[in-house]
Amino acid sequence: MTSSAQTEGRPSTGSAEPPTGVGVGLRWDFLDELLKRLESSDEGALEALPPFWEVSPENYMRRGGYIPESLERVADRFPVITHGLQMSIGGVDPYDDAYMAELRSFVHRFGSPWHSDHLCFCGVDGKILHDLLPMPQNLGAARHAATRVREAQDRLGLPMAVENISFYVRLGHEDMPEVDFVNTVLDEADCKLLLDVNNVYVNAQNHGFDPRAWIAQIDMDRVVQVHVAGHEWRPEDELIIDTHGADVIDPVLDLLTWTIARKGPVAVILERDNDVPSLDTLMAERQKVQAAYDAGLAQREDP
């Protein structure tokens, strides 16, 4: 694999040097096809693959057989970044000791440079709600989340990156805008940010603010990773819904370009969770995201 998109920032698995460029979220929908390509001698098919993958440990932990073996085969060829689904950073239940111990083993086994999870709560009384629910945007909630992030970093033994979420209702008393809430958590926890530009865009459209002004208030030194994804307009609800089930639209790609022009090289992940297309179609979309990323780098290099 010799293209500039592929060679940029491609360390060996387990390297301390984090990847940059545009990777893809690994999904079971195309895992069989991916494994076939890894065994292929077709250089063109291999060239089209991304330089790294993002995986959600909860989809692999406490499983045996084909699923974890398949991940091992992917990780033998590509760097892996881990992205969690169930930490419930904003929750009030104590962290589950067995979950945290297994998660620590997983992230170190695959050499992830950091572990990310969502700045939200997603469970209560030991029950997972399978949704990412917003926290009240106030100082007490921010400090609570920061305490939980610091504990997670200590337990995992590597940096945490929190992700800004999309949300449709505001919960509880608010005494700060969302971006101030995120910045407070970052500062209090001294952690990293997984900046989801699609979530910023969705919230901006639904709640009426400028997405670029939002991102401009973020300390780019804390951004270690960026997410892009597709969403859908629901006219019956008069809302944009963050479905991860459609192509990334041009305004979100433009926002990515604008962000990369300010951040510089970073790990970007294209997410697709619903209506997942064929691997070829997804790789073609990755190339569109790569073009937006490259445009941002070119703007950064301009005098």
Protein backbone atom coordinates (compact mmCIF):
# COMPACT_ATOMS: atom_id res chain seq x y z
CA MET A 1 0.00 0.00 0.00
CA THR A 2 1.78 3.05 -1.25
CA SER A 3 -0.70 5.90 -1.64
CA SER A 4 -0.18 9.04 0.44
CA ALA A 5 -3.51 8.46 2.17
CA GLN A 6 -2.41 4.98 3.20
CA THR A 7 1.16 5.67 4.22
CA GLU A 8 0.47 8.81 6.24
CA GLY A 9 0.87 8.01 9.91
CA ARG A 10 0.57 4.23 9.52
CA PRO A 11 2.54 2.85 12.47
CA SER A 12 2.90 -0.82 13.21
CA THR A 13 0.28 -2.25 15.55
CA GLY A 14 1.08 -1.35 19.13
CA SER A 15 3.28 1.59 18.16
CA ALA A 16 3.36 4.55 20.51
CA GLU A 17 2.91 6.82 17.48
CA PRO A 18 -0.86 7.35 17.00
CA PRO A 19 -2.27 7.03 13.49
CA THR A 20 -3.41 9.98 11.40
CA GLY A 21 -5.52 10.23 8.28
CA VAL A 22 -8.96 8.69 7.76
CA GLY A 23 -9.83 5.28 9.22
CA VAL A 24 -13.14 3.47 9.46
CA GLY A 25 -15.20 1.96 12.24
CA LEU A 26 -14.95 -1.84 11.99
CA ARG A 27 -18.38 -3.44 11.68
CA TRP A 28 -19.48 -7.07 11.48
CA ASP A 29 -21.52 -6.28 8.36
CA PHE A 30 -18.40 -6.31 6.18
CA LEU A 31 -15.96 -8.27 8.36
CA ASP A 32 -16.06 -11.41 6.19
CA GLU A 33 -15.30 -9.41 3.06
CA LEU A 34 -12.49 -7.56 4.80
CA LEU A 35 -10.87 -10.83 5.90
CA LYS A 36 -11.04 -12.16 2.34
CA ARG A 37 -9.22 -9.08 1.13
CA LEU A 38 -6.53 -9.43 3.75
CA GLU A 39 -5.83 -12.90 2.35
CA SER A 40 -5.89 -11.65 -1.24
CA SER A 41 -2.88 -10.95 -3.44
CA ASP A 42 -4.85 -8.23 -5.25
CA GLU A 43 -2.86 -5.08 -4.48
CA GLY A 44 -5.68 -2.86 -5.74
CA ALA A 45 -8.14 -4.34 -3.26
CA LEU A 46 -5.66 -3.94 -0.42
CA GLU A 47 -4.75 -0.40 -1.47
CA ALA A 48 -8.36 0.75 -1.03
CA LEU A 49 -8.46 -0.25 2.64
CA PRO A 50 -8.08 2.40 5.36
CA PRO A 51 -4.82 2.93 7.26
CA PHE A 52 -6.39 1.99 10.62
CA TRP A 53 -9.64 0.84 12.20
CA GLU A 54 -11.69 1.82 15.22
CA VAL A 55 -13.28 -0.96 17.27
CA SER A 56 -15.72 -1.01 20.17
CA PRO A 57 -14.36 -3.41 22.81
CA GLU A 58 -17.83 -4.27 24.12
CA ASN A 59 -18.52 -6.02 20.80
CA TYR A 60 -15.58 -8.37 21.33
CA MET A 61 -15.10 -8.76 25.08
CA ARG A 62 -16.41 -11.92 26.75
CA ARG A 63 -16.74 -13.64 23.40
CA GLY A 64 -14.92 -16.63 21.97
CA GLY A 65 -14.41 -18.16 18.57
CA TYR A 66 -14.72 -16.39 15.23
CA ILE A 67 -15.36 -12.81 16.39
CA PRO A 68 -12.24 -12.19 18.52
CA GLU A 69 -10.13 -14.31 16.16
CA SER A 70 -11.22 -12.09 13.28
CA LEU A 71 -10.23 -8.97 15.17
CA GLU A 72 -6.81 -10.49 15.84
CA ARG A 73 -6.34 -10.99 12.10
CA VAL A 74 -7.26 -7.38 11.38
CA ALA A 75 -5.01 -6.09 14.18
CA ASP A 76 -2.10 -8.10 12.78
CA ARG A 77 -2.21 -5.85 9.70
CA PHE A 78 -3.55 -2.50 10.95
CA PRO A 79 -3.37 -0.23 13.98
CA VAL A 80 -6.52 -0.28 16.12
CA ILE A 81 -8.09 2.53 18.16
CA THR A 82 -10.69 1.60 20.78
CA HIS A 83 -13.99 3.43 21.24
CA GLY A 84 -16.33 2.45 24.07
CA LEU A 85 -20.10 2.28 24.27
CA GLN A 86 -21.01 1.47 27.88
CA MET A 87 -18.80 3.34 30.32
CA SER A 88 -21.61 5.76 31.20
CA ILE A 89 -19.24 8.54 32.21
CA GLY A 90 -22.13 10.66 33.43
CA GLY A 91 -23.79 7.87 35.37
CA VAL A 92 -23.98 7.41 39.13
CA ASP A 93 -23.44 3.64 39.33
CA PRO A 94 -19.90 2.71 40.40
CA TYR A 95 -17.79 1.33 37.57
CA ASP A 96 -18.08 -2.45 37.27
CA ASP A 97 -14.75 -3.91 38.37
CA ALA A 98 -14.88 -6.89 36.02
CA TYR A 99 -15.78 -4.71 33.03
CA MET A 100 -12.97 -2.24 33.73
CA ALA A 101 -10.42 -5.02 34.24
CA GLU A 102 -11.34 -6.70 30.97
CA LEU A 103 -11.42 -3.36 29.16
CA ARG A 104 -7.94 -2.54 30.45
CA SER A 105 -6.65 -5.88 29.15
CA PHE A 106 -8.32 -5.30 25.78
CA VAL A 107 -7.01 -1.79 25.11
CA HIS A 108 -3.46 -2.73 26.04
CA ARG A 109 -3.59 -5.98 24.08
CA PHE A 110 -4.41 -4.10 20.88
CA GLY A 111 -2.12 -1.15 21.58
CA SER A 112 -4.71 1.61 21.44
CA PRO A 113 -3.04 4.99 22.06
CA TRP A 114 -6.08 6.10 24.09
CA HIS A 115 -9.58 4.88 24.86
CA SER A 116 -12.63 7.00 24.11
CA ASP A 117 -16.20 6.96 25.30
CA HIS A 118 -19.16 9.31 25.21
CA LEU A 119 -19.74 12.26 27.51
CA CYS A 120 -23.17 11.07 28.60
CA PHE A 121 -24.91 8.52 30.76
CA CYS A 122 -26.30 5.29 29.35
CA GLY A 123 -27.29 3.16 32.30
CA VAL A 124 -28.68 3.09 35.82
CA ASP A 125 -28.97 0.44 38.54
CA GLY A 126 -26.78 -1.90 36.55
CA LYS A 127 -29.00 -1.76 33.46
CA ILE A 128 -27.69 -0.55 30.08
CA LEU A 129 -30.21 1.65 28.29
CA HIS A 130 -28.59 1.28 24.83
CA ASP A 131 -28.82 5.00 24.23
CA LEU A 132 -26.53 7.97 24.79
CA LEU A 133 -28.40 10.34 27.07
CA PRO A 134 -27.24 13.91 27.74
CA MET A 135 -26.12 15.17 31.12
CA PRO A 136 -27.38 18.40 32.68
CA GLN A 137 -25.11 21.20 31.52
CA ASN A 138 -24.05 22.59 34.87
CA LEU A 139 -20.91 22.76 36.93
CA GLY A 140 -21.85 19.96 39.30
CA ALA A 141 -22.49 17.52 36.44
CA ALA A 142 -19.26 18.55 34.71
CA ARG A 143 -17.21 17.95 37.85
CA HIS A 144 -18.94 14.62 38.41
CA ALA A 145 -18.05 13.52 34.88
CA ALA A 146 -14.47 14.74 35.27
CA THR A 147 -14.05 12.68 38.44
CA ARG A 148 -15.31 9.61 36.58
CA VAL A 149 -12.95 10.25 33.66
CA ARG A 150 -9.95 10.54 36.00
CA GLU A 151 -10.94 7.25 37.64
CA ALA A 152 -11.27 5.59 34.24
CA GLN A 153 -7.83 6.82 33.20
CA ASP A 154 -6.33 5.42 36.39
CA ARG A 155 -8.05 2.08 35.97
CA LEU A 156 -7.18 1.69 32.29
CA GLY A 157 -3.65 3.00 32.55
CA LEU A 158 -3.87 5.15 29.42
CA PRO A 159 -5.44 8.50 28.40
CA MET A 160 -9.19 8.88 28.02
CA ALA A 161 -10.82 10.88 25.25
CA VAL A 162 -14.43 11.94 25.79
CA GLU A 163 -16.77 12.41 22.84
CA ASN A 164 -19.31 15.21 22.50
CA ILE A 165 -22.70 13.65 21.77
CA SER A 166 -25.76 14.64 19.77
CA PHE A 167 -28.89 15.24 21.85
CA TYR A 168 -32.47 16.35 21.29
CA VAL A 169 -33.68 17.51 24.71
CA ARG A 170 -31.93 19.37 27.51
CA LEU A 171 -32.04 17.80 30.96
CA GLY A 172 -32.18 19.57 34.29
CA HIS A 173 -30.91 23.00 35.24
CA GLU A 174 -28.33 24.49 32.89
CA ASP A 175 -25.89 27.20 33.84
CA MET A 176 -23.50 26.92 30.89
CA PRO A 177 -23.60 26.30 27.12
CA GLU A 178 -22.69 22.84 25.87
CA VAL A 179 -19.22 23.86 24.69
CA ASP A 180 -18.42 25.33 28.11
CA PHE A 181 -19.63 22.11 29.71
CA VAL A 182 -17.32 20.06 27.49
CA ASN A 183 -14.38 22.38 28.14
CA THR A 184 -14.95 22.19 31.89
CA VAL A 185 -14.83 18.39 31.81
CA LEU A 186 -11.65 18.47 29.70
CA ASP A 187 -9.94 20.90 32.06
CA GLU A 188 -11.09 19.27 35.31
CA ALA A 189 -10.20 15.77 34.14
CA ASP A 190 -7.11 16.81 32.15
CA CYS A 191 -8.23 14.43 29.42
CA LYS A 192 -8.48 14.37 25.64
CA LEU A 193 -11.37 15.07 23.27
CA LEU A 194 -12.83 12.93 20.53
CA LEU A 195 -14.42 15.72 18.50
CA ASP A 196 -17.45 14.47 16.57
CA VAL A 197 -18.02 17.14 13.91
CA ASN A 198 -21.27 15.53 12.79
CA ASN A 199 -22.63 15.75 16.34
CA VAL A 200 -21.66 19.41 16.46
CA TYR A 201 -23.43 19.99 13.16
CA VAL A 202 -26.57 18.07 14.21
CA ASN A 203 -26.82 19.95 17.52
CA ALA A 204 -26.18 23.26 15.76
CA GLN A 205 -29.07 22.68 13.36
CA ASN A 206 -31.43 21.40 16.06
CA HIS A 207 -30.59 23.96 18.74
CA GLY A 208 -29.67 26.97 16.64
CA PHE A 209 -25.98 27.86 16.92
CA ASP A 210 -22.95 28.22 14.65
CA PRO A 211 -20.97 24.93 14.51
CA ARG A 212 -17.73 26.69 13.60
CA ALA A 213 -18.07 29.07 16.52
CA TRP A 214 -18.59 26.04 18.79
CA ILE A 215 -15.45 24.29 17.56
CA ALA A 216 -13.46 27.53 17.67
CA GLN A 217 -13.89 27.53 21.46
CA ILE A 218 -12.28 24.08 21.84
CA ASP A 219 -8.61 23.76 22.76
CA MET A 220 -7.30 21.91 19.71
CA ASP A 221 -4.37 20.58 21.70
CA ARG A 222 -6.85 18.30 23.49
CA VAL A 223 -8.31 16.88 20.26
CA VAL A 224 -6.75 13.48 19.49
CA GLN A 225 -9.47 12.07 17.27
CA VAL A 226 -12.37 13.22 15.08
CA HIS A 227 -15.57 11.40 14.07
CA VAL A 228 -17.67 11.97 10.96
CA ALA A 229 -20.94 10.22 10.14
CA GLY A 230 -24.23 10.62 8.35
CA HIS A 231 -27.59 11.71 9.71
CA GLU A 232 -31.19 12.02 8.57
CA TRP A 233 -33.77 14.79 8.51
CA ARG A 234 -37.07 13.77 10.12
CA PRO A 235 -39.64 16.33 8.93
CA GLU A 236 -42.36 14.90 11.16
CA ASP A 237 -40.20 15.74 14.19
CA GLU A 238 -38.54 18.80 12.66
CA LEU A 239 -35.23 17.35 13.84
CA ILE A 240 -32.01 16.04 12.37
CA ILE A 241 -31.40 12.59 13.87
CA ASP A 242 -27.87 11.26 14.24
CA THR A 243 -28.52 7.81 12.74
CA HIS A 244 -25.06 6.88 11.43
CA GLY A 245 -27.13 5.37 8.63
CA ALA A 246 -26.47 7.65 5.66
CA ASP A 247 -23.59 9.18 3.72
CA VAL A 248 -21.76 12.14 5.23
CA ILE A 249 -23.24 15.30 3.74
CA ASP A 250 -21.17 18.10 2.19
CA PRO A 251 -21.71 20.63 5.03
CA VAL A 252 -20.25 18.12 7.51
CA LEU A 253 -17.32 17.43 5.18
CA ASP A 254 -16.78 21.20 4.93
CA LEU A 255 -16.81 21.40 8.72
CA LEU A 256 -14.22 18.61 8.83
CA THR A 257 -11.99 20.49 6.38
CA TRP A 258 -12.31 23.67 8.44
CA THR A 259 -11.46 21.74 11.62
CA ILE A 260 -8.43 19.97 10.14
CA ALA A 261 -7.12 23.32 8.86
CA ARG A 262 -6.98 24.38 12.52
CA LYS A 263 -5.94 21.09 14.09
CA GLY A 264 -3.56 19.55 11.57
CA PRO A 265 -2.97 15.79 11.21
CA VAL A 266 -5.19 13.71 13.48
CA ALA A 267 -7.01 10.36 13.50
CA VAL A 268 -10.38 10.71 11.74
CA ILE A 269 -12.94 7.89 11.78
CA LEU A 270 -15.83 7.41 9.36
CA GLU A 271 -18.67 5.78 11.29
CA ARG A 272 -21.50 3.75 9.75
CA ASP A 273 -23.79 1.74 12.03
CA ASN A 274 -27.09 1.43 10.15
CA ASP A 275 -27.86 0.58 6.53
CA VAL A 276 -24.20 -0.37 6.23
CA PRO A 277 -23.28 -0.58 2.53
CA SER A 278 -20.86 -2.94 0.84
CA LEU A 279 -17.20 -2.63 1.69
CA ASP A 280 -16.47 -1.13 -1.74
CA THR A 281 -19.14 1.53 -1.29
CA LEU A 282 -17.91 2.36 2.19
CA MET A 283 -14.32 2.64 0.98
CA ALA A 284 -15.47 5.02 -1.76
CA GLU A 285 -17.05 7.22 0.90
CA ARG A 286 -13.84 7.03 2.92
CA GLN A 287 -12.05 8.51 -0.07
CA LYS A 288 -14.47 11.47 0.00
CA VAL A 289 -13.70 11.99 3.68
CA GLN A 290 -9.98 11.67 2.92
CA ALA A 291 -10.32 14.38 0.26
CA ALA A 292 -11.95 16.71 2.81
CA TYR A 293 -9.17 15.89 5.29
CA ASP A 294 -6.46 16.54 2.69
CA ALA A 295 -8.10 19.85 1.79
CA GLY A 296 -7.87 20.90 5.43
CA LEU A 297 -4.19 20.03 5.58
CA ALA A 298 -3.59 22.01 2.38
CA GLN A 299 -5.32 25.06 3.85
CA ARG A 300 -3.19 24.72 6.97
CA GLU A 301 -0.03 24.77 4.86
CA ASP A 302 -1.06 27.92 3.00
CA PRO A 303 0.87 31.05 4.12
